[in-house]
PDB file of N, CA and C in Angstrom:
ATOM      1  N   ASP A   1      19.131   2.895-110.717  1.00  0.00           N
ATOM      2  CA  ASP A   1      20.168   3.522-111.512  1.00  0.00           C
ATOM      3  C   ASP A   1      19.705   4.846-112.104  1.00  0.00           C
ATOM      4  N   LEU A   2      18.412   5.086-112.097  1.00  0.00           N
ATOM      5  CA  LEU A   2      17.916   6.335-112.657  1.00  0.00           C
ATOM      6  C   LEU A   2      17.633   7.383-111.585  1.00  0.00           C
ATOM      7  N   LEU A   3      17.719   7.000-110.322  1.00  0.00           N
ATOM      8  CA  LEU A   3      17.436   7.931-109.240  1.00  0.00           C
ATOM      9  C   LEU A   3      18.719   8.517-108.671  1.00  0.00           C
ATOM     10  N   PRO A   4      18.696   9.797-108.335  1.00  0.00           N
ATOM     11  CA  PRO A   4      19.842  10.365-107.631  1.00  0.00           C
ATOM     12  C   PRO A   4      20.015   9.681-106.265  1.00  0.00           C
ATOM     13  N   THR A   5      21.238   9.617-105.786  1.00  0.00           N
ATOM     14  CA  THR A   5      21.544   8.943-104.524  1.00  0.00           C
ATOM     15  C   THR A   5      20.709   9.481-103.367  1.00  0.00           C
ATOM     16  N   LYS A   6      20.521  10.791-103.301  1.00  0.00           N
ATOM     17  CA  LYS A   6      19.729  11.389-102.210  1.00  0.00           C
ATOM     18  C   LYS A   6      18.284  10.899-102.241  1.00  0.00           C
ATOM     19  N   VAL A   7      17.723  10.798-103.420  1.00  0.00           N
ATOM     20  CA  VAL A   7      16.332  10.344-103.556  1.00  0.00           C
ATOM     21  C   VAL A   7      16.228   8.881-103.130  1.00  0.00           C
ATOM     22  N   THR A   8      17.179   8.076-103.565  1.00  0.00           N
ATOM     23  CA  THR A   8      17.205   6.662-103.177  1.00  0.00           C
ATOM     24  C   THR A   8      17.280   6.529-101.662  1.00  0.00           C
ATOM     25  N   ALA A   9      18.165   7.294-101.040  1.00  0.00           N
ATOM     26  CA  ALA A   9      18.330   7.230 -99.585  1.00  0.00           C
ATOM     27  C   ALA A   9      17.036   7.604 -98.861  1.00  0.00           C
ATOM     28  N   ARG A  10      16.340   8.609 -99.353  1.00  0.00           N
ATOM     29  CA  ARG A  10      15.077   9.007 -98.715  1.00  0.00           C
ATOM     30  C   ARG A  10      14.022   7.928 -98.845  1.00  0.00           C
ATOM     31  N   TRP A  11      13.932   7.301-100.031  1.00  0.00           N
ATOM     32  CA  TRP A  11      12.953   6.230-100.228  1.00  0.00           C
ATOM     33  C   TRP A  11      13.263   5.035 -99.333  1.00  0.00           C
ATOM     34  N   ILE A  12      14.534   4.711 -99.192  1.00  0.00           N
ATOM     35  CA  ILE A  12      14.910   3.597 -98.308  1.00  0.00           C
ATOM     36  C   ILE A  12      14.479   3.904 -96.885  1.00  0.00           C
ATOM     37  N   LYS A  13      14.681   5.128 -96.459  1.00  0.00           N
ATOM     38  CA  LYS A  13      14.293   5.535 -95.097  1.00  0.00           C
ATOM     39  C   LYS A  13      12.779   5.393 -94.903  1.00  0.00           C
ATOM     40  N   VAL A  14      12.001   5.848 -95.871  1.00  0.00           N
ATOM     41  CA  VAL A  14      10.537   5.771 -95.785  1.00  0.00           C
ATOM     42  C   VAL A  14      10.066   4.313 -95.821  1.00  0.00           C
ATOM     43  N   LEU A  15      10.542   3.556 -96.798  1.00  0.00           N
ATOM     44  CA  LEU A  15      10.080   2.178 -96.975  1.00  0.00           C
ATOM     45  C   LEU A  15      10.538   1.254 -95.849  1.00  0.00           C
ATOM     46  N   SER A  16      11.691   1.552 -95.241  1.00  0.00           N
ATOM     47  CA  SER A  16      12.218   0.720 -94.152  1.00  0.00           C
ATOM     48  C   SER A  16      11.321   0.732 -92.920  1.00  0.00           C
ATOM     49  N   LYS A  17      10.487   1.744 -92.808  1.00  0.00           N
ATOM     50  CA  LYS A  17       9.549   1.798 -91.681  1.00  0.00           C
ATOM     51  C   LYS A  17       8.460   0.740 -91.820  1.00  0.00           C
ATOM     52  N   GLU A  18       8.213   0.292 -93.041  1.00  0.00           N
ATOM     53  CA  GLU A  18       7.152  -0.677 -93.329  1.00  0.00           C
ATOM     54  C   GLU A  18       7.665  -2.114 -93.408  1.00  0.00           C
ATOM     55  N   ALA A  19       8.855  -2.309 -94.000  1.00  0.00           N
ATOM     56  CA  ALA A  19       9.367  -3.658 -94.246  1.00  0.00           C
ATOM     57  C   ALA A  19      10.873  -3.586 -94.503  1.00  0.00           C
ATOM     58  N   PRO A  20      11.567  -4.721 -94.391  1.00  0.00           N
ATOM     59  CA  PRO A  20      12.999  -4.712 -94.729  1.00  0.00           C
ATOM     60  C   PRO A  20      13.198  -4.188 -96.159  1.00  0.00           C
ATOM     61  N   THR A  21      14.113  -3.260 -96.319  1.00  0.00           N
ATOM     62  CA  THR A  21      14.296  -2.583 -97.605  1.00  0.00           C
ATOM     63  C   THR A  21      15.776  -2.445 -97.918  1.00  0.00           C
ATOM     64  N   ILE A  22      16.144  -2.752 -99.156  1.00  0.00           N
ATOM     65  CA  ILE A  22      17.519  -2.540 -99.601  1.00  0.00           C
ATOM     66  C   ILE A  22      17.495  -1.869-100.969  1.00  0.00           C
ATOM     67  N   ALA A  23      18.548  -1.135-101.266  1.00  0.00           N
ATOM     68  CA  ALA A  23      18.716  -0.579-102.612  1.00  0.00           C
ATOM     69  C   ALA A  23      19.427  -1.640-103.437  1.00  0.00           C
ATOM     70  N   PHE A  24      18.993  -1.808-104.684  1.00  0.00           N
ATOM     71  CA  PHE A  24      19.560  -2.852-105.538  1.00  0.00           C
ATOM     72  C   PHE A  24      19.680  -2.326-106.956  1.00  0.00           C
ATOM     73  N   HIS A  25      20.860  -2.457-107.526  1.00  0.00           N
ATOM     74  CA  HIS A  25      21.084  -2.102-108.931  1.00  0.00           C
ATOM     75  C   HIS A  25      21.364  -3.387-109.683  1.00  0.00           C
ATOM     76  N   ALA A  26      20.483  -3.739-110.598  1.00  0.00           N
ATOM     77  CA  ALA A  26      20.614  -4.980-111.354  1.00  0.00           C
ATOM     78  C   ALA A  26      21.607  -4.791-112.498  1.00  0.00           C
ATOM     79  N   SER A  27      22.743  -5.440-112.370  1.00  0.00           N
ATOM     80  CA  SER A  27      23.778  -5.380-113.400  1.00  0.00           C
ATOM     81  C   SER A  27      24.693  -6.586-113.216  1.00  0.00           C
ATOM     82  N   ILE A  28      24.921  -7.319-114.283  1.00  0.00           N
ATOM     83  CA  ILE A  28      25.806  -8.476-114.187  1.00  0.00           C
ATOM     84  C   ILE A  28      27.235  -8.031-113.906  1.00  0.00           C
ATOM     85  N   THR A  29      27.648  -6.911-114.501  1.00  0.00           N
ATOM     86  CA  THR A  29      29.034  -6.462-114.362  1.00  0.00           C
ATOM     87  C   THR A  29      29.268  -5.496-113.205  1.00  0.00           C
ATOM     88  N   ASN A  30      28.249  -4.735-112.788  1.00  0.00           N
ATOM     89  CA  ASN A  30      28.437  -3.736-111.741  1.00  0.00           C
ATOM     90  C   ASN A  30      27.212  -3.672-110.823  1.00  0.00           C
ATOM     91  N   PRO A  31      26.941  -4.743-110.077  1.00  0.00           N
ATOM     92  CA  PRO A  31      25.749  -4.744-109.221  1.00  0.00           C
ATOM     93  C   PRO A  31      25.947  -3.920-107.956  1.00  0.00           C
ATOM     94  N   PHE A  32      24.848  -3.469-107.390  1.00  0.00           N
ATOM     95  CA  PHE A  32      24.872  -2.777-106.099  1.00  0.00           C
ATOM     96  C   PHE A  32      23.764  -3.391-105.246  1.00  0.00           C
ATOM     97  N   GLY A  33      24.096  -3.765-104.033  1.00  0.00           N
ATOM     98  CA  GLY A  33      23.102  -4.324-103.124  1.00  0.00           C
ATOM     99  C   GLY A  33      22.970  -5.834-103.209  1.00  0.00           C
ATOM    100  N   LYS A  34      23.712  -6.450-104.124  1.00  0.00           N
ATOM    101  CA  LYS A  34      23.612  -7.900-104.303  1.00  0.00           C
ATOM    102  C   LYS A  34      24.050  -8.645-103.040  1.00  0.00           C
ATOM    103  N   GLY A  35      25.153  -8.230-102.445  1.00  0.00           N
ATOM    104  CA  GLY A  35      25.652  -8.881-101.225  1.00  0.00           C
ATOM    105  C   GLY A  35      24.655  -8.785-100.083  1.00  0.00           C
ATOM    106  N   THR A  36      24.044  -7.627 -99.946  1.00  0.00           N
ATOM    107  CA  THR A  36      23.037  -7.420 -98.899  1.00  0.00           C
ATOM    108  C   THR A  36      21.833  -8.323 -99.130  1.00  0.00           C
ATOM    109  N   PHE A  37      21.412  -8.427-100.384  1.00  0.00           N
ATOM    110  CA  PHE A  37      20.259  -9.265-100.703  1.00  0.00           C
ATOM    111  C   PHE A  37      20.562 -10.744-100.453  1.00  0.00           C
ATOM    112  N   ILE A  38      21.750 -11.190-100.850  1.00  0.00           N
ATOM    113  CA  ILE A  38      22.162 -12.579-100.612  1.00  0.00           C
ATOM    114  C   ILE A  38      22.212 -12.851 -99.102  1.00  0.00           C
ATOM    115  N   SER A  39      22.723 -11.904 -98.335  1.00  0.00           N
ATOM    116  CA  SER A  39      22.772 -12.068 -96.877  1.00  0.00           C
ATOM    117  C   SER A  39      21.370 -12.193 -96.292  1.00  0.00           C
ATOM    118  N   LEU A  40      20.453 -11.397 -96.803  1.00  0.00           N
ATOM    119  CA  LEU A  40      19.063 -11.465 -96.352  1.00  0.00           C
ATOM    120  C   LEU A  40      18.462 -12.840 -96.649  1.00  0.00           C
ATOM    121  N   LEU A  41      18.739 -13.369 -97.834  1.00  0.00           N
ATOM    122  CA  LEU A  41      18.252 -14.703 -98.196  1.00  0.00           C
ATOM    123  C   LEU A  41      18.868 -15.777 -97.303  1.00  0.00           C
ATOM    124  N   ARG A  42      20.138 -15.634 -96.980  1.00  0.00           N
ATOM    125  CA  ARG A  42      20.807 -16.609 -96.097  1.00  0.00           C
ATOM    126  C   ARG A  42      20.207 -16.574 -94.690  1.00  0.00           C
ATOM    127  N   GLN A  43      19.908 -15.373 -94.193  1.00  0.00           N
ATOM    128  CA  GLN A  43      19.264 -15.262 -92.883  1.00  0.00           C
ATOM    129  C   GLN A  43      17.897 -15.929 -92.897  1.00  0.00           C
ATOM    130  N   PHE A  44      17.155 -15.723 -93.977  1.00  0.00           N
ATOM    131  CA  PHE A  44      15.840 -16.347 -94.124  1.00  0.00           C
ATOM    132  C   PHE A  44      15.980 -17.867 -94.145  1.00  0.00           C
ATOM    133  N   ALA A  45      16.981 -18.362 -94.861  1.00  0.00           N
ATOM    134  CA  ALA A  45      17.204 -19.807 -94.939  1.00  0.00           C
ATOM    135  C   ALA A  45      17.532 -20.387 -93.564  1.00  0.00           C
ATOM    136  N   LYS A  46      18.291 -19.652 -92.764  1.00  0.00           N
ATOM    137  CA  LYS A  46      18.613 -20.123 -91.407  1.00  0.00           C
ATOM    138  C   LYS A  46      17.364 -20.217 -90.547  1.00  0.00           C
ATOM    139  N   LEU A  47      16.446 -19.283 -90.735  1.00  0.00           N
ATOM    140  CA  LEU A  47      15.186 -19.318 -89.981  1.00  0.00           C
ATOM    141  C   LEU A  47      14.350 -20.534 -90.354  1.00  0.00           C
ATOM    142  N   HIS A  48      14.584 -21.046 -91.542  1.00  0.00           N
ATOM    143  CA  HIS A  48      13.836 -22.206 -92.049  1.00  0.00           C
ATOM    144  C   HIS A  48      14.795 -23.362 -92.316  1.00  0.00           C
ATOM    145  N   SER A  49      15.658 -23.628 -91.357  1.00  0.00           N
ATOM    146  CA  SER A  49      16.688 -24.650 -91.548  1.00  0.00           C
ATOM    147  C   SER A  49      16.122 -26.059 -91.670  1.00  0.00           C
ATOM    148  N   ASP A  50      14.851 -26.227 -91.314  1.00  0.00           N
ATOM    149  CA  ASP A  50      14.219 -27.536 -91.476  1.00  0.00           C
ATOM    150  C   ASP A  50      13.938 -27.853 -92.945  1.00  0.00           C
ATOM    151  N   LYS A  51      14.027 -26.851 -93.793  1.00  0.00           N
ATOM    152  CA  LYS A  51      13.785 -27.031 -95.231  1.00  0.00           C
ATOM    153  C   LYS A  51      15.103 -27.322 -95.948  1.00  0.00           C
ATOM    154  N   LYS A  52      15.028 -28.128 -96.984  1.00  0.00           N
ATOM    155  CA  LYS A  52      16.206 -28.454 -97.784  1.00  0.00           C
ATOM    156  C   LYS A  52      16.652 -27.257 -98.617  1.00  0.00           C
ATOM    157  N   ALA A  53      15.679 -26.484 -99.092  1.00  0.00           N
ATOM    158  CA  ALA A  53      15.971 -25.301 -99.916  1.00  0.00           C
ATOM    159  C   ALA A  53      14.834 -24.297 -99.732  1.00  0.00           C
ATOM    160  N   ILE A  54      15.111 -23.054-100.064  1.00  0.00           N
ATOM    161  CA  ILE A  54      14.061 -22.035-100.056  1.00  0.00           C
ATOM    162  C   ILE A  54      13.777 -21.630-101.501  1.00  0.00           C
ATOM    163  N   SER A  55      12.581 -21.188-101.742  1.00  0.00           N
ATOM    164  CA  SER A  55      12.194 -20.680-103.057  1.00  0.00           C
ATOM    165  C   SER A  55      11.955 -19.193-102.948  1.00  0.00           C
ATOM    166  N   VAL A  56      12.402 -18.462-103.949  1.00  0.00           N
ATOM    167  CA  VAL A  56      12.230 -17.019-103.989  1.00  0.00           C
ATOM    168  C   VAL A  56      11.499 -16.672-105.274  1.00  0.00           C
ATOM    169  N   GLY A  57      10.484 -15.851-105.167  1.00  0.00           N
ATOM    170  CA  GLY A  57       9.739 -15.422-106.341  1.00  0.00           C
ATOM    171  C   GLY A  57       9.799 -13.923-106.506  1.00  0.00           C
ATOM    172  N   PHE A  58       9.786 -13.476-107.731  1.00  0.00           N
ATOM    173  CA  PHE A  58       9.750 -12.051-108.042  1.00  0.00           C
ATOM    174  C   PHE A  58       8.472 -11.784-108.819  1.00  0.00           C
ATOM    175  N   LEU A  59       7.692 -10.864-108.336  1.00  0.00           N
ATOM    176  CA  LEU A  59       6.496 -10.487-109.062  1.00  0.00           C
ATOM    177  C   LEU A  59       6.382  -8.978-109.068  1.00  0.00           C
ATOM    178  N   GLY A  60       5.726  -8.464-110.098  1.00  0.00           N
ATOM    179  CA  GLY A  60       5.589  -7.027-110.210  1.00  0.00           C
ATOM    180  C   GLY A  60       5.064  -6.632-111.570  1.00  0.00           C
ATOM    181  N   TYR A  61       4.947  -5.349-111.748  1.00  0.00           N
ATOM    182  CA  TYR A  61       4.476  -4.808-113.015  1.00  0.00           C
ATOM    183  C   TYR A  61       5.437  -5.174-114.139  1.00  0.00           C
ATOM    184  N   PRO A  62       4.961  -5.172-115.388  1.00  0.00           N
ATOM    185  CA  PRO A  62       5.860  -5.441-116.521  1.00  0.00           C
ATOM    186  C   PRO A  62       6.985  -4.407-116.616  1.00  0.00           C
ATOM    187  N   ASN A  63       8.121  -4.874-117.044  1.00  0.00           N
ATOM    188  CA  ASN A  63       9.283  -4.015-117.315  1.00  0.00           C
ATOM    189  C   ASN A  63       9.777  -3.217-116.113  1.00  0.00           C
ATOM    190  N   VAL A  64       9.830  -3.868-114.957  1.00  0.00           N
ATOM    191  CA  VAL A  64      10.400  -3.198-113.788  1.00  0.00           C
ATOM    192  C   VAL A  64      11.735  -3.812-113.372  1.00  0.00           C
ATOM    193  N   GLY A  65      12.188  -4.850-114.083  1.00  0.00           N
ATOM    194  CA  GLY A  65      13.515  -5.399-113.829  1.00  0.00           C
ATOM    195  C   GLY A  65      13.575  -6.729-113.098  1.00  0.00           C
ATOM    196  N   LYS A  66      12.476  -7.456-113.055  1.00  0.00           N
ATOM    197  CA  LYS A  66      12.481  -8.745-112.352  1.00  0.00           C
ATOM    198  C   LYS A  66      13.497  -9.709-112.953  1.00  0.00           C
ATOM    199  N   SER A  67      13.501  -9.850-114.257  1.00  0.00           N
ATOM    200  CA  SER A  67      14.457 -10.750-114.925  1.00  0.00           C
ATOM    201  C   SER A  67      15.884 -10.247-114.759  1.00  0.00           C
ATOM    202  N   SER A  68      16.072  -8.950-114.775  1.00  0.00           N
ATOM    203  CA  SER A  68      17.414  -8.380-114.590  1.00  0.00           C
ATOM    204  C   SER A  68      17.958  -8.692-113.201  1.00  0.00           C
ATOM    205  N   ILE A  69      17.101  -8.691-112.196  1.00  0.00           N
ATOM    206  CA  ILE A  69      17.528  -9.039-110.836  1.00  0.00           C
ATOM    207  C   ILE A  69      17.997 -10.495-110.801  1.00  0.00           C
ATOM    208  N   ILE A  70      17.228 -11.380-111.416  1.00  0.00           N
ATOM    209  CA  ILE A  70      17.608 -12.796-111.446  1.00  0.00           C
ATOM    210  C   ILE A  70      18.932 -12.973-112.171  1.00  0.00           C
ATOM    211  N   ASN A  71      19.102 -12.313-113.307  1.00  0.00           N
ATOM    212  CA  ASN A  71      20.368 -12.397-114.050  1.00  0.00           C
ATOM    213  C   ASN A  71      21.533 -11.883-113.210  1.00  0.00           C
ATOM    214  N   THR A  72      21.316 -10.819-112.468  1.00  0.00           N
ATOM    215  CA  THR A  72      22.358 -10.265-111.601  1.00  0.00           C
ATOM    216  C   THR A  72      22.743 -11.264-110.522  1.00  0.00           C
ATOM    217  N   LEU A  73      21.753 -11.880-109.902  1.00  0.00           N
ATOM    218  CA  LEU A  73      22.037 -12.838-108.837  1.00  0.00           C
ATOM    219  C   LEU A  73      22.791 -14.060-109.346  1.00  0.00           C
ATOM    220  N   ARG A  74      22.527 -14.471-110.572  1.00  0.00           N
ATOM    221  CA  ARG A  74      23.193 -15.638-111.158  1.00  0.00           C
ATOM    222  C   ARG A  74      24.503 -15.276-111.866  1.00  0.00           C
ATOM    223  N   LYS A  75      24.806 -14.001-112.025  1.00  0.00           N
ATOM    224  CA  LYS A  75      26.021 -13.511-112.694  1.00  0.00           C
ATOM    225  C   LYS A  75      26.078 -13.876-114.175  1.00  0.00           C
ATOM    226  N   LYS A  76      24.933 -14.192-114.755  1.00  0.00           N
ATOM    227  CA  LYS A  76      24.876 -14.483-116.186  1.00  0.00           C
ATOM    228  C   LYS A  76      23.424 -14.377-116.644  1.00  0.00           C
ATOM    229  N   LYS A  77      23.249 -14.332-117.955  1.00  0.00           N
ATOM    230  CA  LYS A  77      21.899 -14.203-118.500  1.00  0.00           C
ATOM    231  C   LYS A  77      21.194 -15.561-118.470  1.00  0.00           C
ATOM    232  N   VAL A  78      20.264 -15.708-117.530  1.00  0.00           N
ATOM    233  CA  VAL A  78      19.470 -16.933-117.434  1.00  0.00           C
ATOM    234  C   VAL A  78      18.001 -16.656-117.753  1.00  0.00           C
ATOM    235  N   CYS A  79      17.620 -15.388-117.715  1.00  0.00           N
ATOM    236  CA  CYS A  79      16.264 -14.962-118.083  1.00  0.00           C
ATOM    237  C   CYS A  79      16.374 -13.951-119.218  1.00  0.00           C
ATOM    238  N   SER A  80      15.518 -14.071-120.198  1.00  0.00           N
ATOM    239  CA  SER A  80      15.549 -13.097-121.283  1.00  0.00           C
ATOM    240  C   SER A  80      14.934 -11.786-120.813  1.00  0.00           C
ATOM    241  N   VAL A  81      15.427 -10.690-121.354  1.00  0.00           N
ATOM    242  CA  VAL A  81      14.915  -9.360-121.034  1.00  0.00           C
ATOM    243  C   VAL A  81      14.614  -8.637-122.337  1.00  0.00           C
ATOM    244  N   ALA A  82      13.662  -7.712-122.283  1.00  0.00           N
ATOM    245  CA  ALA A  82      13.302  -6.937-123.472  1.00  0.00           C
ATOM    246  C   ALA A  82      12.724  -5.601-123.029  1.00  0.00           C
ATOM    247  N   PRO A  83      12.821  -4.589-123.873  1.00  0.00           N
ATOM    248  CA  PRO A  83      12.303  -3.269-123.518  1.00  0.00           C
ATOM    249  C   PRO A  83      10.779  -3.154-123.636  1.00  0.00           C
ATOM    250  N   VAL A  84      10.117  -4.240-124.020  1.00  0.00           N
ATOM    251  CA  VAL A  84       8.657  -4.213-124.163  1.00  0.00           C
ATOM    252  C   VAL A  84       8.047  -5.240-123.214  1.00  0.00           C
ATOM    253  N   PRO A  85       6.842  -4.957-122.689  1.00  0.00           N
ATOM    254  CA  PRO A  85       6.194  -5.911-121.780  1.00  0.00           C
ATOM    255  C   PRO A  85       5.887  -7.241-122.465  1.00  0.00           C
ATOM    256  N   GLY A  86       5.863  -8.300-121.677  1.00  0.00           N
ATOM    257  CA  GLY A  86       5.431  -9.604-122.170  1.00  0.00           C
ATOM    258  C   GLY A  86       6.532 -10.552-122.585  1.00  0.00           C
ATOM    259  N   GLU A  87       7.786 -10.172-122.396  1.00  0.00           N
ATOM    260  CA  GLU A  87       8.891 -11.051-122.800  1.00  0.00           C
ATOM    261  C   GLU A  87       8.918 -12.323-121.952  1.00  0.00           C
ATOM    262  N   THR A  88       8.686 -12.191-120.666  1.00  0.00           N
ATOM    263  CA  THR A  88       8.698 -13.354-119.768  1.00  0.00           C
ATOM    264  C   THR A  88       7.315 -13.503-119.145  1.00  0.00           C
ATOM    265  N   LYS A  89       6.451 -14.204-119.830  1.00  0.00           N
ATOM    266  CA  LYS A  89       5.059 -14.374-119.381  1.00  0.00           C
ATOM    267  C   LYS A  89       4.850 -15.645-118.571  1.00  0.00           C
ATOM    268  N   VAL A  90       5.786 -16.563-118.625  1.00  0.00           N
ATOM    269  CA  VAL A  90       5.575 -17.854-117.994  1.00  0.00           C
ATOM    270  C   VAL A  90       6.487 -18.017-116.772  1.00  0.00           C
ATOM    271  N   TRP A  91       6.120 -18.987-115.918  1.00  0.00           N
ATOM    272  CA  TRP A  91       6.945 -19.307-114.768  1.00  0.00           C
ATOM    273  C   TRP A  91       8.299 -19.805-115.250  1.00  0.00           C
ATOM    274  N   GLN A  92       9.345 -19.366-114.594  1.00  0.00           N
ATOM    275  CA  GLN A  92      10.686 -19.848-114.896  1.00  0.00           C
ATOM    276  C   GLN A  92      11.318 -20.317-113.603  1.00  0.00           C
ATOM    277  N   TYR A  93      11.876 -21.502-113.624  1.00  0.00           N
ATOM    278  CA  TYR A  93      12.557 -22.037-112.453  1.00  0.00           C
ATOM    279  C   TYR A  93      14.048 -22.007-112.708  1.00  0.00           C
ATOM    280  N   ILE A  94      14.762 -21.249-111.901  1.00  0.00           N
ATOM    281  CA  ILE A  94      16.202 -21.083-112.043  1.00  0.00           C
ATOM    282  C   ILE A  94      16.856 -21.709-110.815  1.00  0.00           C
ATOM    283  N   THR A  95      17.823 -22.578-111.036  1.00  0.00           N
ATOM    284  CA  THR A  95      18.484 -23.215-109.907  1.00  0.00           C
ATOM    285  C   THR A  95      19.931 -22.774-109.805  1.00  0.00           C
TER     286      THR A  95
END
């Protein structure tokens, strides 16, 4: 949400050469890329159809939006967020 569209498009082009890449805006009310991400997860689940469920983990530096992504995917606040590092230090299982 802080990058101009042209910059985002260039980064997607560069990063896509290395791994599957999508643009994602974490917002409960106005998400972008959520449908694409859900489709990617569904494709992954089909590849592992022998499993009852798949688990997805988010890891990264503090304050980069991991909890916001989870809240966006669930369409409600299920993880707390804060403008300072350390708000979510423990494992959280969201179903």
